[in-house]
Amino acid sequence: MTKGSGTVQDWRTLVDVLNLSEMMGKCGVGPEVLPICEKAQESLHKAAMRYQETMRMGLDGVGIQAIRDLIEFADLQQSSIPRSEFEKYIQKTKNYIKSHGDKVVEIV
């Protein structure tokens, strides 16, 4: 992703990390991650649009930093709660996306 040679699966993995961190932040587990989630979401959206035009998946400098920060916060969030609670957030995130909550952004 940093050199423009990421895959759609790489992008999907980052989106999953983003969604889970955002859900946890909104539920009070590391809410300081939310502004980073916004930056990461914007960067991943730009990357998806660029991919549709050029068939190359990558992030710009701001996006790379946002994703690095996001991953760091996601690790902190995960390590700050028990595994059972983390698994509940995974399920809650899946359910929210499945129900097409009004705040779910879909990129096609």
PDB file of N, CA and C in Angstrom:
ATOM      1  N   MET A   1       0.823  -1.197   0.000  1.00  0.00           N
ATOM      2  CA  MET A   1       0.000   0.000   0.000  1.00  0.00           C
ATOM      3  C   MET A   1       0.868   1.262   0.000  1.00  0.00           C
ATOM      4  N   THR A   2       2.057   1.165   0.560  1.00  0.00           N
ATOM      5  CA  THR A   2       2.910   2.354   0.634  1.00  0.00           C
ATOM      6  C   THR A   2       3.599   2.650  -0.681  1.00  0.00           C
ATOM      7  N   LYS A   3       3.669   1.660  -1.568  1.00  0.00           N
ATOM      8  CA  LYS A   3       4.369   1.858  -2.831  1.00  0.00           C
ATOM      9  C   LYS A   3       3.445   1.730  -4.053  1.00  0.00           C
ATOM     10  N   GLY A   4       2.140   1.704  -3.811  1.00  0.00           N
ATOM     11  CA  GLY A   4       1.190   1.632  -4.913  1.00  0.00           C
ATOM     12  C   GLY A   4       0.986   0.236  -5.458  1.00  0.00           C
ATOM     13  N   SER A   5       1.443  -0.765  -4.732  1.00  0.00           N
ATOM     14  CA  SER A   5       1.282  -2.135  -5.225  1.00  0.00           C
ATOM     15  C   SER A   5       0.472  -2.999  -4.263  1.00  0.00           C
ATOM     16  N   GLY A   6      -0.396  -2.358  -3.489  1.00  0.00           N
ATOM     17  CA  GLY A   6      -1.261  -3.102  -2.578  1.00  0.00           C
ATOM     18  C   GLY A   6      -2.328  -3.852  -3.350  1.00  0.00           C
ATOM     19  N   THR A   7      -2.960  -4.786  -2.680  1.00  0.00           N
ATOM     20  CA  THR A   7      -4.035  -5.559  -3.299  1.00  0.00           C
ATOM     21  C   THR A   7      -5.376  -5.136  -2.715  1.00  0.00           C
ATOM     22  N   VAL A   8      -6.429  -5.576  -3.345  1.00  0.00           N
ATOM     23  CA  VAL A   8      -7.764  -5.310  -2.827  1.00  0.00           C
ATOM     24  C   VAL A   8      -7.906  -5.971  -1.448  1.00  0.00           C
ATOM     25  N   GLN A   9      -7.303  -7.131  -1.265  1.00  0.00           N
ATOM     26  CA  GLN A   9      -7.358  -7.803   0.038  1.00  0.00           C
ATOM     27  C   GLN A   9      -6.623  -6.986   1.104  1.00  0.00           C
ATOM     28  N   ASP A  10      -5.494  -6.380   0.749  1.00  0.00           N
ATOM     29  CA  ASP A  10      -4.783  -5.499   1.694  1.00  0.00           C
ATOM     30  C   ASP A  10      -5.699  -4.355   2.118  1.00  0.00           C
ATOM     31  N   TRP A  11      -6.359  -3.766   1.135  1.00  0.00           N
ATOM     32  CA  TRP A  11      -7.279  -2.655   1.399  1.00  0.00           C
ATOM     33  C   TRP A  11      -8.406  -3.118   2.317  1.00  0.00           C
ATOM     34  N   ARG A  12      -8.963  -4.289   2.018  1.00  0.00           N
ATOM     35  CA  ARG A  12     -10.070  -4.837   2.808  1.00  0.00           C
ATOM     36  C   ARG A  12      -9.638  -5.070   4.257  1.00  0.00           C
ATOM     37  N   THR A  13      -8.427  -5.570   4.450  1.00  0.00           N
ATOM     38  CA  THR A  13      -7.913  -5.806   5.797  1.00  0.00           C
ATOM     39  C   THR A  13      -7.823  -4.494   6.572  1.00  0.00           C
ATOM     40  N   LEU A  14      -7.323  -3.455   5.916  1.00  0.00           N
ATOM     41  CA  LEU A  14      -7.215  -2.147   6.575  1.00  0.00           C
ATOM     42  C   LEU A  14      -8.591  -1.580   6.899  1.00  0.00           C
ATOM     43  N   VAL A  15      -9.546  -1.783   6.014  1.00  0.00           N
ATOM     44  CA  VAL A  15     -10.919  -1.325   6.271  1.00  0.00           C
ATOM     45  C   VAL A  15     -11.488  -2.068   7.483  1.00  0.00           C
ATOM     46  N   ASP A  16     -11.212  -3.355   7.586  1.00  0.00           N
ATOM     47  CA  ASP A  16     -11.694  -4.122   8.740  1.00  0.00           C
ATOM     48  C   ASP A  16     -11.100  -3.595  10.040  1.00  0.00           C
ATOM     49  N   VAL A  17      -9.799  -3.302  10.028  1.00  0.00           N
ATOM     50  CA  VAL A  17      -9.147  -2.732  11.216  1.00  0.00           C
ATOM     51  C   VAL A  17      -9.793  -1.391  11.559  1.00  0.00           C
ATOM     52  N   LEU A  18     -10.013  -0.577  10.546  1.00  0.00           N
ATOM     53  CA  LEU A  18     -10.641   0.730  10.736  1.00  0.00           C
ATOM     54  C   LEU A  18     -12.020   0.585  11.364  1.00  0.00           C
ATOM     55  N   ASN A  19     -12.848  -0.274  10.787  1.00  0.00           N
ATOM     56  CA  ASN A  19     -14.214  -0.436  11.291  1.00  0.00           C
ATOM     57  C   ASN A  19     -14.238  -0.903  12.741  1.00  0.00           C
ATOM     58  N   LEU A  20     -13.391  -1.854  13.063  1.00  0.00           N
ATOM     59  CA  LEU A  20     -13.353  -2.374  14.424  1.00  0.00           C
ATOM     60  C   LEU A  20     -12.852  -1.319  15.410  1.00  0.00           C
ATOM     61  N   SER A  21     -11.803  -0.605  15.046  1.00  0.00           N
ATOM     62  CA  SER A  21     -11.284   0.448  15.937  1.00  0.00           C
ATOM     63  C   SER A  21     -12.305   1.554  16.129  1.00  0.00           C
ATOM     64  N   GLU A  22     -12.999   1.900  15.056  1.00  0.00           N
ATOM     65  CA  GLU A  22     -14.017   2.943  15.160  1.00  0.00           C
ATOM     66  C   GLU A  22     -15.149   2.502  16.085  1.00  0.00           C
ATOM     67  N   MET A  23     -15.586   1.260  15.955  1.00  0.00           N
ATOM     68  CA  MET A  23     -16.657   0.751  16.816  1.00  0.00           C
ATOM     69  C   MET A  23     -16.206   0.767  18.279  1.00  0.00           C
ATOM     70  N   MET A  24     -14.999   0.301  18.522  1.00  0.00           N
ATOM     71  CA  MET A  24     -14.499   0.278  19.889  1.00  0.00           C
ATOM     72  C   MET A  24     -14.371   1.694  20.443  1.00  0.00           C
ATOM     73  N   GLY A  25     -13.883   2.612  19.623  1.00  0.00           N
ATOM     74  CA  GLY A  25     -13.753   4.006  20.055  1.00  0.00           C
ATOM     75  C   GLY A  25     -15.099   4.621  20.399  1.00  0.00           C
ATOM     76  N   LYS A  26     -16.096   4.342  19.575  1.00  0.00           N
ATOM     77  CA  LYS A  26     -17.430   4.886  19.827  1.00  0.00           C
ATOM     78  C   LYS A  26     -18.064   4.281  21.073  1.00  0.00           C
ATOM     79  N   CYS A  27     -17.615   3.084  21.446  1.00  0.00           N
ATOM     80  CA  CYS A  27     -18.132   2.425  22.647  1.00  0.00           C
ATOM     81  C   CYS A  27     -17.283   2.731  23.872  1.00  0.00           C
ATOM     82  N   GLY A  28     -16.306   3.621  23.737  1.00  0.00           N
ATOM     83  CA  GLY A  28     -15.541   4.060  24.891  1.00  0.00           C
ATOM     84  C   GLY A  28     -14.178   3.417  25.077  1.00  0.00           C
ATOM     85  N   VAL A  29     -13.797   2.501  24.197  1.00  0.00           N
ATOM     86  CA  VAL A  29     -12.476   1.876  24.294  1.00  0.00           C
ATOM     87  C   VAL A  29     -11.528   2.666  23.390  1.00  0.00           C
ATOM     88  N   GLY A  30     -10.784   3.578  23.985  1.00  0.00           N
ATOM     89  CA  GLY A  30      -9.850   4.397  23.217  1.00  0.00           C
ATOM     90  C   GLY A  30     -10.524   5.373  22.276  1.00  0.00           C
ATOM     91  N   PRO A  31     -11.435   6.206  22.795  1.00  0.00           N
ATOM     92  CA  PRO A  31     -12.156   7.128  21.916  1.00  0.00           C
ATOM     93  C   PRO A  31     -11.248   8.137  21.204  1.00  0.00           C
ATOM     94  N   GLU A  32     -10.014   8.295  21.683  1.00  0.00           N
ATOM     95  CA  GLU A  32      -9.091   9.217  21.007  1.00  0.00           C
ATOM     96  C   GLU A  32      -8.699   8.715  19.618  1.00  0.00           C
ATOM     97  N   VAL A  33      -9.089   7.499  19.265  1.00  0.00           N
ATOM     98  CA  VAL A  33      -8.795   6.962  17.934  1.00  0.00           C
ATOM     99  C   VAL A  33      -9.738   7.534  16.873  1.00  0.00           C
ATOM    100  N   LEU A  34     -10.856   8.091  17.264  1.00  0.00           N
ATOM    101  CA  LEU A  34     -11.879   8.503  16.298  1.00  0.00           C
ATOM    102  C   LEU A  34     -11.393   9.517  15.257  1.00  0.00           C
ATOM    103  N   PRO A  35     -10.637  10.566  15.623  1.00  0.00           N
ATOM    104  CA  PRO A  35     -10.132  11.468  14.572  1.00  0.00           C
ATOM    105  C   PRO A  35      -9.171  10.759  13.604  1.00  0.00           C
ATOM    106  N   ILE A  36      -8.422   9.807  14.119  1.00  0.00           N
ATOM    107  CA  ILE A  36      -7.524   9.040  13.257  1.00  0.00           C
ATOM    108  C   ILE A  36      -8.341   8.159  12.314  1.00  0.00           C
ATOM    109  N   CYS A  37      -9.428   7.610  12.815  1.00  0.00           N
ATOM    110  CA  CYS A  37     -10.313   6.806  11.969  1.00  0.00           C
ATOM    111  C   CYS A  37     -10.856   7.629  10.805  1.00  0.00           C
ATOM    112  N   GLU A  38     -11.204   8.881  11.083  1.00  0.00           N
ATOM    113  CA  GLU A  38     -11.709   9.750  10.014  1.00  0.00           C
ATOM    114  C   GLU A  38     -10.656   9.959   8.932  1.00  0.00           C
ATOM    115  N   LYS A  39      -9.422  10.231   9.342  1.00  0.00           N
ATOM    116  CA  LYS A  39      -8.337  10.428   8.373  1.00  0.00           C
ATOM    117  C   LYS A  39      -8.075   9.143   7.583  1.00  0.00           C
ATOM    118  N   ALA A  40      -8.057   8.020   8.287  1.00  0.00           N
ATOM    119  CA  ALA A  40      -7.798   6.736   7.631  1.00  0.00           C
ATOM    120  C   ALA A  40      -8.922   6.400   6.650  1.00  0.00           C
ATOM    121  N   GLN A  41     -10.165   6.668   7.041  1.00  0.00           N
ATOM    122  CA  GLN A  41     -11.292   6.386   6.156  1.00  0.00           C
ATOM    123  C   GLN A  41     -11.201   7.227   4.889  1.00  0.00           C
ATOM    124  N   GLU A  42     -10.890   8.486   5.047  1.00  0.00           N
ATOM    125  CA  GLU A  42     -10.747   9.366   3.881  1.00  0.00           C
ATOM    126  C   GLU A  42      -9.626   8.862   2.969  1.00  0.00           C
ATOM    127  N   SER A  43      -8.510   8.455   3.546  1.00  0.00           N
ATOM    128  CA  SER A  43      -7.381   7.969   2.762  1.00  0.00           C
ATOM    129  C   SER A  43      -7.703   6.658   2.056  1.00  0.00           C
ATOM    130  N   LEU A  44      -8.402   5.761   2.738  1.00  0.00           N
ATOM    131  CA  LEU A  44      -8.777   4.499   2.109  1.00  0.00           C
ATOM    132  C   LEU A  44      -9.798   4.718   1.003  1.00  0.00           C
ATOM    133  N   HIS A  45     -10.662   5.692   1.187  1.00  0.00           N
ATOM    134  CA  HIS A  45     -11.625   6.038   0.134  1.00  0.00           C
ATOM    135  C   HIS A  45     -10.893   6.564  -1.095  1.00  0.00           C
ATOM    136  N   LYS A  46      -9.931   7.445  -0.882  1.00  0.00           N
ATOM    137  CA  LYS A  46      -9.128   7.967  -1.992  1.00  0.00           C
ATOM    138  C   LYS A  46      -8.380   6.840  -2.709  1.00  0.00           C
ATOM    139  N   ALA A  47      -7.838   5.918  -1.923  1.00  0.00           N
ATOM    140  CA  ALA A  47      -7.113   4.789  -2.513  1.00  0.00           C
ATOM    141  C   ALA A  47      -8.033   3.936  -3.377  1.00  0.00           C
ATOM    142  N   ALA A  48      -9.268   3.732  -2.925  1.00  0.00           N
ATOM    143  CA  ALA A  48     -10.231   2.945  -3.699  1.00  0.00           C
ATOM    144  C   ALA A  48     -10.595   3.658  -4.998  1.00  0.00           C
ATOM    145  N   MET A  49     -10.789   4.956  -4.917  1.00  0.00           N
ATOM    146  CA  MET A  49     -11.116   5.716  -6.129  1.00  0.00           C
ATOM    147  C   MET A  49      -9.941   5.691  -7.121  1.00  0.00           C
ATOM    148  N   ARG A  50      -8.749   5.836  -6.599  1.00  0.00           N
ATOM    149  CA  ARG A  50      -7.547   5.784  -7.436  1.00  0.00           C
ATOM    150  C   ARG A  50      -7.413   4.410  -8.085  1.00  0.00           C
ATOM    151  N   TYR A  51      -7.714   3.378  -7.330  1.00  0.00           N
ATOM    152  CA  TYR A  51      -7.636   2.013  -7.859  1.00  0.00           C
ATOM    153  C   TYR A  51      -8.613   1.823  -9.019  1.00  0.00           C
ATOM    154  N   GLN A  52      -9.802   2.366  -8.899  1.00  0.00           N
ATOM    155  CA  GLN A  52     -10.785   2.239  -9.976  1.00  0.00           C
ATOM    156  C   GLN A  52     -10.302   2.913 -11.248  1.00  0.00           C
ATOM    157  N   GLU A  53      -9.535   3.975 -11.103  1.00  0.00           N
ATOM    158  CA  GLU A  53      -9.041   4.701 -12.281  1.00  0.00           C
ATOM    159  C   GLU A  53      -7.763   4.094 -12.849  1.00  0.00           C
ATOM    160  N   THR A  54      -6.856   3.640 -11.975  1.00  0.00           N
ATOM    161  CA  THR A  54      -5.520   3.250 -12.423  1.00  0.00           C
ATOM    162  C   THR A  54      -5.197   1.771 -12.234  1.00  0.00           C
ATOM    163  N   MET A  55      -6.030   1.045 -11.485  1.00  0.00           N
ATOM    164  CA  MET A  55      -5.787  -0.350 -11.130  1.00  0.00           C
ATOM    165  C   MET A  55      -4.519  -0.515 -10.288  1.00  0.00           C
ATOM    166  N   ARG A  56      -4.131   0.538  -9.574  1.00  0.00           N
ATOM    167  CA  ARG A  56      -3.004   0.493  -8.635  1.00  0.00           C
ATOM    168  C   ARG A  56      -3.532   0.903  -7.266  1.00  0.00           C
ATOM    169  N   MET A  57      -3.212   0.093  -6.270  1.00  0.00           N
ATOM    170  CA  MET A  57      -3.715   0.345  -4.925  1.00  0.00           C
ATOM    171  C   MET A  57      -2.589   0.921  -4.076  1.00  0.00           C
ATOM    172  N   GLY A  58      -2.785   2.113  -3.596  1.00  0.00           N
ATOM    173  CA  GLY A  58      -1.774   2.727  -2.758  1.00  0.00           C
ATOM    174  C   GLY A  58      -2.338   3.892  -1.962  1.00  0.00           C
ATOM    175  N   LEU A  59      -1.533   4.356  -1.033  1.00  0.00           N
ATOM    176  CA  LEU A  59      -1.908   5.473  -0.166  1.00  0.00           C
ATOM    177  C   LEU A  59      -0.927   6.618  -0.370  1.00  0.00           C
ATOM    178  N   ASP A  60      -1.406   7.840  -0.156  1.00  0.00           N
ATOM    179  CA  ASP A  60      -0.498   8.989  -0.172  1.00  0.00           C
ATOM    180  C   ASP A  60       0.163   9.110   1.201  1.00  0.00           C
ATOM    181  N   GLY A  61       1.032  10.091   1.356  1.00  0.00           N
ATOM    182  CA  GLY A  61       1.783  10.253   2.602  1.00  0.00           C
ATOM    183  C   GLY A  61       0.899  10.427   3.822  1.00  0.00           C
ATOM    184  N   VAL A  62      -0.147  11.235   3.687  1.00  0.00           N
ATOM    185  CA  VAL A  62      -1.083  11.441   4.801  1.00  0.00           C
ATOM    186  C   VAL A  62      -1.780  10.131   5.138  1.00  0.00           C
ATOM    187  N   GLY A  63      -2.152   9.386   4.117  1.00  0.00           N
ATOM    188  CA  GLY A  63      -2.825   8.109   4.320  1.00  0.00           C
ATOM    189  C   GLY A  63      -1.930   7.084   4.991  1.00  0.00           C
ATOM    190  N   ILE A  64      -0.673   7.047   4.576  1.00  0.00           N
ATOM    191  CA  ILE A  64       0.272   6.112   5.180  1.00  0.00           C
ATOM    192  C   ILE A  64       0.406   6.392   6.671  1.00  0.00           C
ATOM    193  N   GLN A  65       0.546   7.673   7.026  1.00  0.00           N
ATOM    194  CA  GLN A  65       0.676   8.027   8.441  1.00  0.00           C
ATOM    195  C   GLN A  65      -0.610   7.729   9.204  1.00  0.00           C
ATOM    196  N   ALA A  66      -1.751   8.007   8.590  1.00  0.00           N
ATOM    197  CA  ALA A  66      -3.032   7.734   9.253  1.00  0.00           C
ATOM    198  C   ALA A  66      -3.192   6.237   9.525  1.00  0.00           C
ATOM    199  N   ILE A  67      -2.811   5.407   8.572  1.00  0.00           N
ATOM    200  CA  ILE A  67      -2.923   3.962   8.748  1.00  0.00           C
ATOM    201  C   ILE A  67      -1.942   3.471   9.800  1.00  0.00           C
ATOM    202  N   ARG A  68      -0.734   4.014   9.798  1.00  0.00           N
ATOM    203  CA  ARG A  68       0.235   3.633  10.842  1.00  0.00           C
ATOM    204  C   ARG A  68      -0.302   3.986  12.227  1.00  0.00           C
ATOM    205  N   ASP A  69      -0.850   5.190  12.351  1.00  0.00           N
ATOM    206  CA  ASP A  69      -1.429   5.601  13.635  1.00  0.00           C
ATOM    207  C   ASP A  69      -2.610   4.712  14.011  1.00  0.00           C
ATOM    208  N   LEU A  70      -3.434   4.401  13.032  1.00  0.00           N
ATOM    209  CA  LEU A  70      -4.601   3.552  13.271  1.00  0.00           C
ATOM    210  C   LEU A  70      -4.177   2.178  13.782  1.00  0.00           C
ATOM    211  N   ILE A  71      -3.199   1.579  13.140  1.00  0.00           N
ATOM    212  CA  ILE A  71      -2.743   0.249  13.548  1.00  0.00           C
ATOM    213  C   ILE A  71      -2.169   0.292  14.967  1.00  0.00           C
ATOM    214  N   GLU A  72      -1.431   1.353  15.261  1.00  0.00           N
ATOM    215  CA  GLU A  72      -0.881   1.502  16.614  1.00  0.00           C
ATOM    216  C   GLU A  72      -2.001   1.579  17.653  1.00  0.00           C
ATOM    217  N   PHE A  73      -3.015   2.416  17.375  1.00  0.00           N
ATOM    218  CA  PHE A  73      -4.143   2.541  18.298  1.00  0.00           C
ATOM    219  C   PHE A  73      -4.934   1.242  18.388  1.00  0.00           C
ATOM    220  N   ALA A  74      -5.118   0.561  17.250  1.00  0.00           N
ATOM    221  CA  ALA A  74      -5.867  -0.701  17.251  1.00  0.00           C
ATOM    222  C   ALA A  74      -5.182  -1.720  18.151  1.00  0.00           C
ATOM    223  N   ASP A  75      -3.865  -1.774  18.088  1.00  0.00           N
ATOM    224  CA  ASP A  75      -3.118  -2.681  18.971  1.00  0.00           C
ATOM    225  C   ASP A  75      -3.324  -2.307  20.434  1.00  0.00           C
ATOM    226  N   LEU A  76      -3.291  -1.007  20.729  1.00  0.00           N
ATOM    227  CA  LEU A  76      -3.509  -0.562  22.109  1.00  0.00           C
ATOM    228  C   LEU A  76      -4.923  -0.890  22.588  1.00  0.00           C
ATOM    229  N   GLN A  77      -5.899  -0.663  21.718  1.00  0.00           N
ATOM    230  CA  GLN A  77      -7.276  -0.979  22.079  1.00  0.00           C
ATOM    231  C   GLN A  77      -7.419  -2.470  22.402  1.00  0.00           C
ATOM    232  N   GLN A  78      -6.887  -3.289  21.512  1.00  0.00           N
ATOM    233  CA  GLN A  78      -7.026  -4.734  21.690  1.00  0.00           C
ATOM    234  C   GLN A  78      -6.339  -5.208  22.966  1.00  0.00           C
ATOM    235  N   SER A  79      -5.179  -4.654  23.260  1.00  0.00           N
ATOM    236  CA  SER A  79      -4.442  -5.109  24.437  1.00  0.00           C
ATOM    237  C   SER A  79      -4.999  -4.552  25.748  1.00  0.00           C
ATOM    238  N   SER A  80      -5.909  -3.583  25.660  1.00  0.00           N
ATOM    239  CA  SER A  80      -6.437  -2.973  26.879  1.00  0.00           C
ATOM    240  C   SER A  80      -7.701  -3.654  27.404  1.00  0.00           C
ATOM    241  N   ILE A  81      -8.216  -4.628  26.658  1.00  0.00           N
ATOM    242  CA  ILE A  81      -9.436  -5.332  27.080  1.00  0.00           C
ATOM    243  C   ILE A  81      -9.210  -6.842  26.999  1.00  0.00           C
ATOM    244  N   PRO A  82     -10.026  -7.605  27.725  1.00  0.00           N
ATOM    245  CA  PRO A  82      -9.911  -9.069  27.639  1.00  0.00           C
ATOM    246  C   PRO A  82     -10.311  -9.577  26.247  1.00  0.00           C
ATOM    247  N   ARG A  83      -9.773 -10.719  25.883  1.00  0.00           N
ATOM    248  CA  ARG A  83     -10.059 -11.320  24.571  1.00  0.00           C
ATOM    249  C   ARG A  83     -11.559 -11.504  24.351  1.00  0.00           C
ATOM    250  N   SER A  84     -12.277 -11.920  25.364  1.00  0.00           N
ATOM    251  CA  SER A  84     -13.724 -12.152  25.226  1.00  0.00           C
ATOM    252  C   SER A  84     -14.452 -10.858  24.865  1.00  0.00           C
ATOM    253  N   GLU A  85     -14.033  -9.753  25.464  1.00  0.00           N
ATOM    254  CA  GLU A  85     -14.654  -8.467  25.145  1.00  0.00           C
ATOM    255  C   GLU A  85     -14.294  -8.033  23.725  1.00  0.00           C
ATOM    256  N   PHE A  86     -13.050  -8.274  23.335  1.00  0.00           N
ATOM    257  CA  PHE A  86     -12.612  -7.946  21.970  1.00  0.00           C
ATOM    258  C   PHE A  86     -13.451  -8.709  20.948  1.00  0.00           C
ATOM    259  N   GLU A  87     -13.701  -9.981  21.220  1.00  0.00           N
ATOM    260  CA  GLU A  87     -14.519 -10.784  20.309  1.00  0.00           C
ATOM    261  C   GLU A  87     -15.952 -10.258  20.222  1.00  0.00           C
ATOM    262  N   LYS A  88     -16.461  -9.726  21.326  1.00  0.00           N
ATOM    263  CA  LYS A  88     -17.797  -9.116  21.295  1.00  0.00           C
ATOM    264  C   LYS A  88     -17.813  -7.893  20.383  1.00  0.00           C
ATOM    265  N   TYR A  89     -16.733  -7.108  20.408  1.00  0.00           N
ATOM    266  CA  TYR A  89     -16.654  -5.943  19.521  1.00  0.00           C
ATOM    267  C   TYR A  89     -16.539  -6.360  18.058  1.00  0.00           C
ATOM    268  N   ILE A  90     -15.860  -7.459  17.809  1.00  0.00           N
ATOM    269  CA  ILE A  90     -15.780  -7.974  16.438  1.00  0.00           C
ATOM    270  C   ILE A  90     -17.188  -8.307  15.952  1.00  0.00           C
ATOM    271  N   GLN A  91     -17.942  -9.026  16.775  1.00  0.00           N
ATOM    272  CA  GLN A  91     -19.305  -9.408  16.392  1.00  0.00           C
ATOM    273  C   GLN A  91     -20.208  -8.184  16.264  1.00  0.00           C
ATOM    274  N   LYS A  92     -20.058  -7.239  17.169  1.00  0.00           N
ATOM    275  CA  LYS A  92     -20.868  -6.024  17.118  1.00  0.00           C
ATOM    276  C   LYS A  92     -20.584  -5.245  15.828  1.00  0.00           C
ATOM    277  N   THR A  93     -19.318  -5.190  15.437  1.00  0.00           N
ATOM    278  CA  THR A  93     -18.943  -4.499  14.205  1.00  0.00           C
ATOM    279  C   THR A  93     -19.536  -5.211  12.990  1.00  0.00           C
ATOM    280  N   LYS A  94     -19.431  -6.532  12.969  1.00  0.00           N
ATOM    281  CA  LYS A  94     -20.010  -7.311  11.864  1.00  0.00           C
ATOM    282  C   LYS A  94     -21.511  -7.068  11.757  1.00  0.00           C
ATOM    283  N   ASN A  95     -22.192  -7.117  12.903  1.00  0.00           N
ATOM    284  CA  ASN A  95     -23.638  -6.917  12.909  1.00  0.00           C
ATOM    285  C   ASN A  95     -24.012  -5.526  12.431  1.00  0.00           C
ATOM    286  N   TYR A  96     -23.251  -4.532  12.833  1.00  0.00           N
ATOM    287  CA  TYR A  96     -23.529  -3.155  12.428  1.00  0.00           C
ATOM    288  C   TYR A  96     -23.389  -3.001  10.919  1.00  0.00           C
ATOM    289  N   ILE A  97     -22.339  -3.565  10.378  1.00  0.00           N
ATOM    290  CA  ILE A  97     -22.122  -3.469   8.934  1.00  0.00           C
ATOM    291  C   ILE A  97     -23.210  -4.233   8.186  1.00  0.00           C
ATOM    292  N   LYS A  98     -23.553  -5.428   8.687  1.00  0.00           N
ATOM    293  CA  LYS A  98     -24.586  -6.243   8.052  1.00  0.00           C
ATOM    294  C   LYS A  98     -25.920  -5.524   8.012  1.00  0.00           C
ATOM    295  N   SER A  99     -26.230  -4.803   9.079  1.00  0.00           N
ATOM    296  CA  SER A  99     -27.520  -4.126   9.147  1.00  0.00           C
ATOM    297  C   SER A  99     -27.532  -2.835   8.340  1.00  0.00           C
ATOM    298  N   HIS A 100     -26.403  -2.532   7.700  1.00  0.00           N
ATOM    299  CA  HIS A 100     -26.265  -1.309   6.907  1.00  0.00           C
ATOM    300  C   HIS A 100     -26.653  -0.078   7.719  1.00  0.00           C
ATOM    301  N   GLY A 101     -26.025   0.043   8.866  1.00  0.00           N
ATOM    302  CA  GLY A 101     -26.249   1.213   9.698  1.00  0.00           C
ATOM    303  C   GLY A 101     -26.089   2.477   8.873  1.00  0.00           C
ATOM    304  N   ASP A 102     -26.771   3.515   9.234  1.00  0.00           N
ATOM    305  CA  ASP A 102     -26.783   4.749   8.438  1.00  0.00           C
ATOM    306  C   ASP A 102     -25.406   5.401   8.338  1.00  0.00           C
ATOM    307  N   LYS A 103     -24.463   4.942   9.151  1.00  0.00           N
ATOM    308  CA  LYS A 103     -23.130   5.548   9.087  1.00  0.00           C
ATOM    309  C   LYS A 103     -22.123   4.646   8.385  1.00  0.00           C
ATOM    310  N   VAL A 104     -22.580   3.541   7.804  1.00  0.00           N
ATOM    311  CA  VAL A 104     -21.672   2.649   7.078  1.00  0.00           C
ATOM    312  C   VAL A 104     -21.423   3.238   5.700  1.00  0.00           C
ATOM    313  N   VAL A 105     -20.159   3.416   5.370  1.00  0.00           N
ATOM    314  CA  VAL A 105     -19.781   3.926   4.060  1.00  0.00           C
ATOM    315  C   VAL A 105     -19.388   2.757   3.194  1.00  0.00           C
ATOM    316  N   GLU A 106     -20.111   2.566   2.095  1.00  0.00           N
ATOM    317  CA  GLU A 106     -19.791   1.470   1.183  1.00  0.00           C
ATOM    318  C   GLU A 106     -19.109   2.052  -0.042  1.00  0.00           C
ATOM    319  N   ILE A 107     -18.040   1.401  -0.448  1.00  0.00           N
ATOM    320  CA  ILE A 107     -17.315   1.820  -1.638  1.00  0.00           C
ATOM    321  C   ILE A 107     -17.418   0.701  -2.658  1.00  0.00           C
ATOM    322  N   VAL A 108     -17.960   1.031  -3.812  1.00  0.00           N
ATOM    323  CA  VAL A 108     -18.113   0.030  -4.883  1.00  0.00           C
ATOM    324  C   VAL A 108     -17.410   0.465  -6.133  1.00  0.00           C
TER     325      VAL A 108
END
